[in-house]
Amino acid sequence: MAGHILQINHLSKSFGANAVLKDIDFTVDKGDVISIIGASGSGKSTLLRCINLLETPNAGEILYNGKNVLSAGTRAARYRAHVGMVFQSFNLFNNMTVLENCMVGQIRVLKRDKVSAKAHALAYLEKVGMAPYINAKPRQISGGQKQRVAIARAMAMDPEVLLFDEPTSALDPEMVGEVLAVMRRLAESGMTMLVVTHEMTFARDVSTRVVYMCDGVILEDAPPAQLFTHPRQPRTQEFLKRVLERQL
């Protein structure tokens, strides 16, 4: 259907005999902020890794602006520039400075010259509050700072969609807020985002939609006000009751 940035059709993924994703269907439109929630092992991160072509699905389609990126001829690096990903474990290059981390993809994939790449990197590092640390190496900054650099690096590629795979789960509690604040500002700016998260307050307050996954399937896909106050499925109700007692 026209208008969807991403359209996932009948997506399945197994590791050996273990079916991790089972006939997944959903769409992502411009400006969507979709939080994907569910218990560990429900298939959330595998779904994001399939969308980013880090895993190869066993069946189904992933359409980006109407074109199936699972078909032969897709240049994964170029596609990932449009559909960027921020990882749980940051995945920064430890031998490069903060600034170099945010320039290298622009130069190698987008073929930007160094002057343009540096200017672009500096602009996004400024937005995430990391401009004072441009000459630091990853080992010299905190986990929250590393994640903010990772977000700036992804944004410097001018993506149409940003995927976040549990971006706060590797952080100390006091650092979670600074990363969520950056993500909230991105959402408010109109960035299209797909976020696997255990942060229910973010999912409830920032998302335009919340997807609940369980055992490799999407059980519910609804606006946060509906999903958090009137979940339809008993398993969604049980999950939210258990999690919200701890978080909200």
C-alpha atoms as a PDB file:
ATOM      1  CA  MET A   1       0.000   0.000   0.000  1.00  0.00           C
ATOM      2  CA  ALA A   2       1.318   3.460  -0.946  1.00  0.00           C
ATOM      3  CA  GLY A   3       2.499   5.686   1.847  1.00  0.00           C
ATOM      4  CA  HIS A   4       4.113   3.124   4.120  1.00  0.00           C
ATOM      5  CA  ILE A   5       7.837   3.623   4.693  1.00  0.00           C
ATOM      6  CA  LEU A   6       8.127   0.020   5.873  1.00  0.00           C
ATOM      7  CA  GLN A   7       5.714  -2.820   5.302  1.00  0.00           C
ATOM      8  CA  ILE A   8       6.376  -6.222   6.859  1.00  0.00           C
ATOM      9  CA  ASN A   9       4.456  -9.074   5.223  1.00  0.00           C
ATOM     10  CA  HIS A  10       4.247 -12.639   6.604  1.00  0.00           C
ATOM     11  CA  LEU A  11       7.743 -12.453   8.101  1.00  0.00           C
ATOM     12  CA  SER A  12       9.066 -15.631   9.738  1.00  0.00           C
ATOM     13  CA  LYS A  13      12.434 -16.465  11.243  1.00  0.00           C
ATOM     14  CA  SER A  14      13.688 -19.683  12.820  1.00  0.00           C
ATOM     15  CA  PHE A  15      16.980 -20.670  14.381  1.00  0.00           C
ATOM     16  CA  GLY A  16      17.104 -24.408  13.816  1.00  0.00           C
ATOM     17  CA  ALA A  17      13.871 -25.857  15.192  1.00  0.00           C
ATOM     18  CA  ASN A  18      13.156 -22.703  17.219  1.00  0.00           C
ATOM     19  CA  ALA A  19      10.587 -20.480  15.459  1.00  0.00           C
ATOM     20  CA  VAL A  20      11.371 -16.983  16.776  1.00  0.00           C
ATOM     21  CA  LEU A  21       9.101 -14.959  14.447  1.00  0.00           C
ATOM     22  CA  LYS A  22       5.842 -16.376  13.130  1.00  0.00           C
ATOM     23  CA  ASP A  23       4.000 -14.698  10.255  1.00  0.00           C
ATOM     24  CA  ILE A  24       4.594 -11.082  11.340  1.00  0.00           C
ATOM     25  CA  ASP A  25       2.615  -8.315   9.599  1.00  0.00           C
ATOM     26  CA  PHE A  26       2.772  -4.597  10.367  1.00  0.00           C
ATOM     27  CA  THR A  27       3.491  -1.229   8.793  1.00  0.00           C
ATOM     28  CA  VAL A  28       5.495   1.881   9.649  1.00  0.00           C
ATOM     29  CA  ASP A  29       4.404   5.291   8.351  1.00  0.00           C
ATOM     30  CA  LYS A  30       6.232   8.621   8.347  1.00  0.00           C
ATOM     31  CA  GLY A  31       6.310  10.125  11.837  1.00  0.00           C
ATOM     32  CA  ASP A  32       5.353   6.912  13.620  1.00  0.00           C
ATOM     33  CA  VAL A  33       6.995   6.246  16.973  1.00  0.00           C
ATOM     34  CA  ILE A  34       6.317   2.567  17.557  1.00  0.00           C
ATOM     35  CA  SER A  35       7.368   0.927  20.805  1.00  0.00           C
ATOM     36  CA  ILE A  36       7.680  -2.857  20.702  1.00  0.00           C
ATOM     37  CA  ILE A  37       7.181  -4.400  24.128  1.00  0.00           C
ATOM     38  CA  GLY A  38       7.052  -7.944  25.459  1.00  0.00           C
ATOM     39  CA  ALA A  39       8.902 -10.402  27.641  1.00  0.00           C
ATOM     40  CA  SER A  40      12.473 -11.443  26.898  1.00  0.00           C
ATOM     41  CA  GLY A  41      12.538 -14.077  24.172  1.00  0.00           C
ATOM     42  CA  SER A  42       9.344 -12.886  22.481  1.00  0.00           C
ATOM     43  CA  GLY A  43      11.144 -12.058  19.211  1.00  0.00           C
ATOM     44  CA  LYS A  44      11.383  -8.264  19.526  1.00  0.00           C
ATOM     45  CA  SER A  45      15.111  -7.863  18.876  1.00  0.00           C
ATOM     46  CA  THR A  46      15.097 -10.524  16.149  1.00  0.00           C
ATOM     47  CA  LEU A  47      12.371  -8.562  14.359  1.00  0.00           C
ATOM     48  CA  LEU A  48      14.513  -5.416  14.394  1.00  0.00           C
ATOM     49  CA  ARG A  49      17.582  -7.350  13.264  1.00  0.00           C
ATOM     50  CA  CYS A  50      15.607  -8.771  10.341  1.00  0.00           C
ATOM     51  CA  ILE A  51      14.347  -5.309   9.373  1.00  0.00           C
ATOM     52  CA  ASN A  52      17.953  -4.051   9.438  1.00  0.00           C
ATOM     53  CA  LEU A  53      19.132  -7.089   7.413  1.00  0.00           C
ATOM     54  CA  LEU A  54      21.373  -8.318  10.222  1.00  0.00           C
ATOM     55  CA  GLU A  55      19.370 -11.549  10.162  1.00  0.00           C
ATOM     56  CA  THR A  56      17.870 -13.204   7.078  1.00  0.00           C
ATOM     57  CA  PRO A  57      14.204 -14.177   7.464  1.00  0.00           C
ATOM     58  CA  ASN A  58      13.087 -17.635   6.382  1.00  0.00           C
ATOM     59  CA  ALA A  59       9.941 -16.279   4.729  1.00  0.00           C
ATOM     60  CA  GLY A  60       8.098 -13.052   4.053  1.00  0.00           C
ATOM     61  CA  GLU A  61       8.804  -9.588   2.711  1.00  0.00           C
ATOM     62  CA  ILE A  62      10.265  -6.361   4.037  1.00  0.00           C
ATOM     63  CA  LEU A  63       9.179  -3.509   1.793  1.00  0.00           C
ATOM     64  CA  TYR A  64      11.016  -0.199   2.085  1.00  0.00           C
ATOM     65  CA  ASN A  65       9.130   2.474   0.166  1.00  0.00           C
ATOM     66  CA  GLY A  66       7.464  -0.321  -1.791  1.00  0.00           C
ATOM     67  CA  LYS A  67      10.611  -2.291  -2.698  1.00  0.00           C
ATOM     68  CA  ASN A  68      11.396  -5.686  -1.170  1.00  0.00           C
ATOM     69  CA  VAL A  69      14.831  -5.333   0.445  1.00  0.00           C
ATOM     70  CA  LEU A  70      15.108  -9.116   0.776  1.00  0.00           C
ATOM     71  CA  SER A  71      15.340  -9.471  -3.000  1.00  0.00           C
ATOM     72  CA  ALA A  72      18.657  -9.932  -4.777  1.00  0.00           C
ATOM     73  CA  GLY A  73      20.529  -6.740  -5.535  1.00  0.00           C
ATOM     74  CA  THR A  74      19.789  -4.862  -2.320  1.00  0.00           C
ATOM     75  CA  ARG A  75      22.888  -3.074  -1.049  1.00  0.00           C
ATOM     76  CA  ALA A  76      22.630  -3.633   2.696  1.00  0.00           C
ATOM     77  CA  ALA A  77      24.959  -0.767   3.661  1.00  0.00           C
ATOM     78  CA  ARG A  78      23.043   1.728   1.547  1.00  0.00           C
ATOM     79  CA  TYR A  79      19.695   0.481   2.882  1.00  0.00           C
ATOM     80  CA  ARG A  80      20.969   0.769   6.475  1.00  0.00           C
ATOM     81  CA  ALA A  81      21.831   4.409   5.820  1.00  0.00           C
ATOM     82  CA  HIS A  82      18.077   4.954   5.277  1.00  0.00           C
ATOM     83  CA  VAL A  83      16.945   2.574   8.030  1.00  0.00           C
ATOM     84  CA  GLY A  84      19.517   3.123  10.764  1.00  0.00           C
ATOM     85  CA  MET A  85      19.945   1.171  13.976  1.00  0.00           C
ATOM     86  CA  VAL A  86      21.015   2.024  17.514  1.00  0.00           C
ATOM     87  CA  PHE A  87      22.182  -1.012  19.457  1.00  0.00           C
ATOM     88  CA  GLN A  88      21.928  -2.040  23.092  1.00  0.00           C
ATOM     89  CA  SER A  89      25.725  -2.349  23.298  1.00  0.00           C
ATOM     90  CA  PHE A  90      26.506   0.913  21.413  1.00  0.00           C
ATOM     91  CA  ASN A  91      28.762  -0.770  18.772  1.00  0.00           C
ATOM     92  CA  LEU A  92      31.114   2.205  18.573  1.00  0.00           C
ATOM     93  CA  PHE A  93      34.563   1.814  17.029  1.00  0.00           C
ATOM     94  CA  ASN A  94      36.885   1.825  20.040  1.00  0.00           C
ATOM     95  CA  ASN A  95      39.932   2.907  18.028  1.00  0.00           C
ATOM     96  CA  MET A  96      38.186   6.046  16.740  1.00  0.00           C
ATOM     97  CA  THR A  97      37.278   9.296  18.455  1.00  0.00           C
ATOM     98  CA  VAL A  98      33.678  10.326  19.025  1.00  0.00           C
ATOM     99  CA  LEU A  99      33.870  12.602  15.972  1.00  0.00           C
ATOM    100  CA  GLU A 100      35.461   9.925  13.766  1.00  0.00           C
ATOM    101  CA  ASN A 101      32.747   7.442  14.800  1.00  0.00           C
ATOM    102  CA  CYS A 102      30.150   9.876  13.464  1.00  0.00           C
ATOM    103  CA  MET A 103      32.051  10.575  10.233  1.00  0.00           C
ATOM    104  CA  VAL A 104      33.161   7.147   9.027  1.00  0.00           C
ATOM    105  CA  GLY A 105      29.797   5.882   7.755  1.00  0.00           C
ATOM    106  CA  GLN A 106      29.094   9.127   5.952  1.00  0.00           C
ATOM    107  CA  ILE A 107      32.420   8.933   4.137  1.00  0.00           C
ATOM    108  CA  ARG A 108      32.389   5.220   3.308  1.00  0.00           C
ATOM    109  CA  VAL A 109      28.697   4.686   2.533  1.00  0.00           C
ATOM    110  CA  LEU A 110      27.311   8.073   1.545  1.00  0.00           C
ATOM    111  CA  LYS A 111      30.612   9.147  -0.101  1.00  0.00           C
ATOM    112  CA  ARG A 112      30.565  12.538   1.584  1.00  0.00           C
ATOM    113  CA  ASP A 113      33.799  14.500   1.640  1.00  0.00           C
ATOM    114  CA  LYS A 114      35.489  14.895   5.016  1.00  0.00           C
ATOM    115  CA  VAL A 115      34.574  18.556   5.423  1.00  0.00           C
ATOM    116  CA  SER A 116      30.852  17.877   4.880  1.00  0.00           C
ATOM    117  CA  ALA A 117      30.935  14.734   7.018  1.00  0.00           C
ATOM    118  CA  LYS A 118      32.614  16.603   9.883  1.00  0.00           C
ATOM    119  CA  ALA A 119      30.094  19.454   9.760  1.00  0.00           C
ATOM    120  CA  HIS A 120      27.198  16.995   9.709  1.00  0.00           C
ATOM    121  CA  ALA A 121      28.663  14.953  12.579  1.00  0.00           C
ATOM    122  CA  LEU A 122      29.265  18.055  14.693  1.00  0.00           C
ATOM    123  CA  ALA A 123      25.686  19.234  14.173  1.00  0.00           C
ATOM    124  CA  TYR A 124      24.243  15.986  15.527  1.00  0.00           C
ATOM    125  CA  LEU A 125      26.775  15.647  18.325  1.00  0.00           C
ATOM    126  CA  GLU A 126      25.705  19.133  19.398  1.00  0.00           C
ATOM    127  CA  LYS A 127      22.053  18.040  19.390  1.00  0.00           C
ATOM    128  CA  VAL A 128      22.728  15.100  21.714  1.00  0.00           C
ATOM    129  CA  GLY A 129      24.981  17.125  24.020  1.00  0.00           C
ATOM    130  CA  MET A 130      28.223  15.404  23.045  1.00  0.00           C
ATOM    131  CA  ALA A 131      30.044  18.219  21.217  1.00  0.00           C
ATOM    132  CA  PRO A 132      32.480  18.753  24.141  1.00  0.00           C
ATOM    133  CA  TYR A 133      33.682  15.141  23.783  1.00  0.00           C
ATOM    134  CA  ILE A 134      34.503  14.979  20.066  1.00  0.00           C
ATOM    135  CA  ASN A 135      38.149  14.019  20.671  1.00  0.00           C
ATOM    136  CA  ALA A 136      37.433  11.374  23.313  1.00  0.00           C
ATOM    137  CA  LYS A 137      37.649   7.660  22.628  1.00  0.00           C
ATOM    138  CA  PRO A 138      34.693   5.459  23.665  1.00  0.00           C
ATOM    139  CA  ARG A 139      36.607   4.074  26.671  1.00  0.00           C
ATOM    140  CA  GLN A 140      36.840   7.604  28.074  1.00  0.00           C
ATOM    141  CA  ILE A 141      33.089   8.303  28.230  1.00  0.00           C
ATOM    142  CA  SER A 142      30.161   6.821  30.155  1.00  0.00           C
ATOM    143  CA  GLY A 143      27.593   4.362  28.856  1.00  0.00           C
ATOM    144  CA  GLY A 144      24.952   7.053  28.530  1.00  0.00           C
ATOM    145  CA  GLN A 145      27.384   9.221  26.592  1.00  0.00           C
ATOM    146  CA  LYS A 146      28.306   6.304  24.324  1.00  0.00           C
ATOM    147  CA  GLN A 147      24.644   5.744  23.520  1.00  0.00           C
ATOM    148  CA  ARG A 148      24.150   9.424  22.731  1.00  0.00           C
ATOM    149  CA  VAL A 149      27.137   9.223  20.351  1.00  0.00           C
ATOM    150  CA  ALA A 150      25.595   6.124  18.760  1.00  0.00           C
ATOM    151  CA  ILE A 151      22.342   8.050  18.202  1.00  0.00           C
ATOM    152  CA  ALA A 152      24.260  10.986  16.685  1.00  0.00           C
ATOM    153  CA  ARG A 153      26.166   8.579  14.434  1.00  0.00           C
ATOM    154  CA  ALA A 154      22.932   7.046  13.162  1.00  0.00           C
ATOM    155  CA  MET A 155      21.301  10.459  12.658  1.00  0.00           C
ATOM    156  CA  ALA A 156      24.334  11.780  10.746  1.00  0.00           C
ATOM    157  CA  MET A 157      23.452   9.308   7.970  1.00  0.00           C
ATOM    158  CA  ASP A 158      20.134  11.200   7.478  1.00  0.00           C
ATOM    159  CA  PRO A 159      17.989   8.071   7.919  1.00  0.00           C
ATOM    160  CA  GLU A 160      14.299   7.952   7.134  1.00  0.00           C
ATOM    161  CA  VAL A 161      13.698   5.497   9.989  1.00  0.00           C
ATOM    162  CA  LEU A 162      15.659   4.814  13.173  1.00  0.00           C
ATOM    163  CA  LEU A 163      15.514   1.402  14.870  1.00  0.00           C
ATOM    164  CA  PHE A 164      16.409   1.222  18.573  1.00  0.00           C
ATOM    165  CA  ASP A 165      17.160  -2.192  20.058  1.00  0.00           C
ATOM    166  CA  GLU A 166      16.712  -1.846  23.837  1.00  0.00           C
ATOM    167  CA  PRO A 167      18.884   1.305  23.843  1.00  0.00           C
ATOM    168  CA  THR A 168      18.815   1.772  27.635  1.00  0.00           C
ATOM    169  CA  SER A 169      19.071  -1.807  28.902  1.00  0.00           C
ATOM    170  CA  ALA A 170      22.890  -1.791  29.166  1.00  0.00           C
ATOM    171  CA  LEU A 171      22.953   1.502  31.071  1.00  0.00           C
ATOM    172  CA  ASP A 172      23.194   2.266  34.762  1.00  0.00           C
ATOM    173  CA  PRO A 173      19.840   3.583  36.040  1.00  0.00           C
ATOM    174  CA  GLU A 174      21.086   7.161  36.420  1.00  0.00           C
ATOM    175  CA  MET A 175      22.105   7.229  32.724  1.00  0.00           C
ATOM    176  CA  VAL A 176      18.805   5.945  31.338  1.00  0.00           C
ATOM    177  CA  GLY A 177      17.080   9.311  31.622  1.00  0.00           C
ATOM    178  CA  GLU A 178      19.632  11.182  29.507  1.00  0.00           C
ATOM    179  CA  VAL A 179      19.239   8.748  26.612  1.00  0.00           C
ATOM    180  CA  LEU A 180      15.443   8.693  26.848  1.00  0.00           C
ATOM    181  CA  ALA A 181      15.465  12.508  26.791  1.00  0.00           C
ATOM    182  CA  VAL A 182      17.377  12.482  23.494  1.00  0.00           C
ATOM    183  CA  MET A 183      14.943   9.917  22.066  1.00  0.00           C
ATOM    184  CA  ARG A 184      11.965  11.969  23.227  1.00  0.00           C
ATOM    185  CA  ARG A 185      13.352  15.049  21.430  1.00  0.00           C
ATOM    186  CA  LEU A 186      13.863  12.993  18.276  1.00  0.00           C
ATOM    187  CA  ALA A 187      10.265  11.812  18.428  1.00  0.00           C
ATOM    188  CA  GLU A 188       9.036  15.367  18.931  1.00  0.00           C
ATOM    189  CA  SER A 189      11.044  16.470  15.875  1.00  0.00           C
ATOM    190  CA  GLY A 190       9.058  14.032  13.712  1.00  0.00           C
ATOM    191  CA  MET A 191      11.670  11.278  13.373  1.00  0.00           C
ATOM    192  CA  THR A 192      10.159   7.927  12.445  1.00  0.00           C
ATOM    193  CA  MET A 193      11.226   5.460  15.132  1.00  0.00           C
ATOM    194  CA  LEU A 194      10.799   1.782  15.926  1.00  0.00           C
ATOM    195  CA  VAL A 195      11.871   1.126  19.523  1.00  0.00           C
ATOM    196  CA  VAL A 196      12.261  -2.206  21.304  1.00  0.00           C
ATOM    197  CA  THR A 197      12.079  -1.178  24.944  1.00  0.00           C
ATOM    198  CA  HIS A 198      11.318  -2.188  28.509  1.00  0.00           C
ATOM    199  CA  GLU A 199      10.747   1.463  29.437  1.00  0.00           C
ATOM    200  CA  MET A 200       6.959   1.538  29.807  1.00  0.00           C
ATOM    201  CA  THR A 201       6.769   5.240  30.621  1.00  0.00           C
ATOM    202  CA  PHE A 202       8.455   6.057  27.308  1.00  0.00           C
ATOM    203  CA  ALA A 203       6.190   3.610  25.449  1.00  0.00           C
ATOM    204  CA  ARG A 204       3.083   5.105  27.060  1.00  0.00           C
ATOM    205  CA  ASP A 205       3.980   8.802  26.828  1.00  0.00           C
ATOM    206  CA  VAL A 206       5.993   9.127  23.593  1.00  0.00           C
ATOM    207  CA  SER A 207       4.742   6.408  21.223  1.00  0.00           C
ATOM    208  CA  THR A 208       2.087   6.853  18.577  1.00  0.00           C
ATOM    209  CA  ARG A 209       1.594   3.054  18.622  1.00  0.00           C
ATOM    210  CA  VAL A 210       2.591   0.213  20.920  1.00  0.00           C
ATOM    211  CA  VAL A 211       3.113  -3.326  19.631  1.00  0.00           C
ATOM    212  CA  TYR A 212       2.972  -6.179  22.136  1.00  0.00           C
ATOM    213  CA  MET A 213       4.818  -9.336  21.065  1.00  0.00           C
ATOM    214  CA  CYS A 214       4.550 -12.756  22.680  1.00  0.00           C
ATOM    215  CA  ASP A 215       6.047 -16.070  21.510  1.00  0.00           C
ATOM    216  CA  GLY A 216       7.035 -14.685  18.124  1.00  0.00           C
ATOM    217  CA  VAL A 217       3.702 -13.142  17.164  1.00  0.00           C
ATOM    218  CA  ILE A 218       2.150  -9.687  17.459  1.00  0.00           C
ATOM    219  CA  LEU A 219      -0.750 -10.014  19.881  1.00  0.00           C
ATOM    220  CA  GLU A 220      -1.723  -6.342  19.955  1.00  0.00           C
ATOM    221  CA  ASP A 221      -0.936  -3.211  17.948  1.00  0.00           C
ATOM    222  CA  ALA A 222      -2.727  -0.127  19.241  1.00  0.00           C
ATOM    223  CA  PRO A 223      -2.328   3.499  20.367  1.00  0.00           C
ATOM    224  CA  PRO A 224      -0.746   3.643  23.838  1.00  0.00           C
ATOM    225  CA  ALA A 225      -3.865   5.032  25.524  1.00  0.00           C
ATOM    226  CA  GLN A 226      -5.811   2.009  24.330  1.00  0.00           C
ATOM    227  CA  LEU A 227      -3.170  -0.632  24.937  1.00  0.00           C
ATOM    228  CA  PHE A 228      -2.213   0.548  28.413  1.00  0.00           C
ATOM    229  CA  THR A 229      -5.754   1.157  29.682  1.00  0.00           C
ATOM    230  CA  HIS A 230      -7.859  -1.388  27.787  1.00  0.00           C
ATOM    231  CA  PRO A 231      -5.648  -4.209  26.437  1.00  0.00           C
ATOM    232  CA  ARG A 232      -7.747  -6.736  24.550  1.00  0.00           C
ATOM    233  CA  GLN A 233      -5.705  -9.896  25.060  1.00  0.00           C
ATOM    234  CA  PRO A 234      -5.405 -11.642  28.448  1.00  0.00           C
ATOM    235  CA  ARG A 235      -1.671 -12.172  27.899  1.00  0.00           C
ATOM    236  CA  THR A 236      -1.190  -8.440  27.269  1.00  0.00           C
ATOM    237  CA  GLN A 237      -3.115  -7.703  30.457  1.00  0.00           C
ATOM    238  CA  GLU A 238      -0.949 -10.105  32.451  1.00  0.00           C
ATOM    239  CA  PHE A 239       2.295  -8.706  31.019  1.00  0.00           C
ATOM    240  CA  LEU A 240       1.332  -5.093  31.683  1.00  0.00           C
ATOM    241  CA  LYS A 241       0.138  -5.818  35.205  1.00  0.00           C
ATOM    242  CA  ARG A 242       3.436  -7.508  36.016  1.00  0.00           C
ATOM    243  CA  VAL A 243       5.626  -4.814  34.435  1.00  0.00           C
ATOM    244  CA  LEU A 244       3.686  -1.725  35.433  1.00  0.00           C
ATOM    245  CA  GLU A 245       3.730  -2.709  39.097  1.00  0.00           C
ATOM    246  CA  ARG A 246       7.527  -2.384  38.886  1.00  0.00           C
ATOM    247  CA  GLN A 247       7.836   0.719  36.706  1.00  0.00           C
ATOM    248  CA  LEU A 248       4.915   3.122  36.873  1.00  0.00           C
END
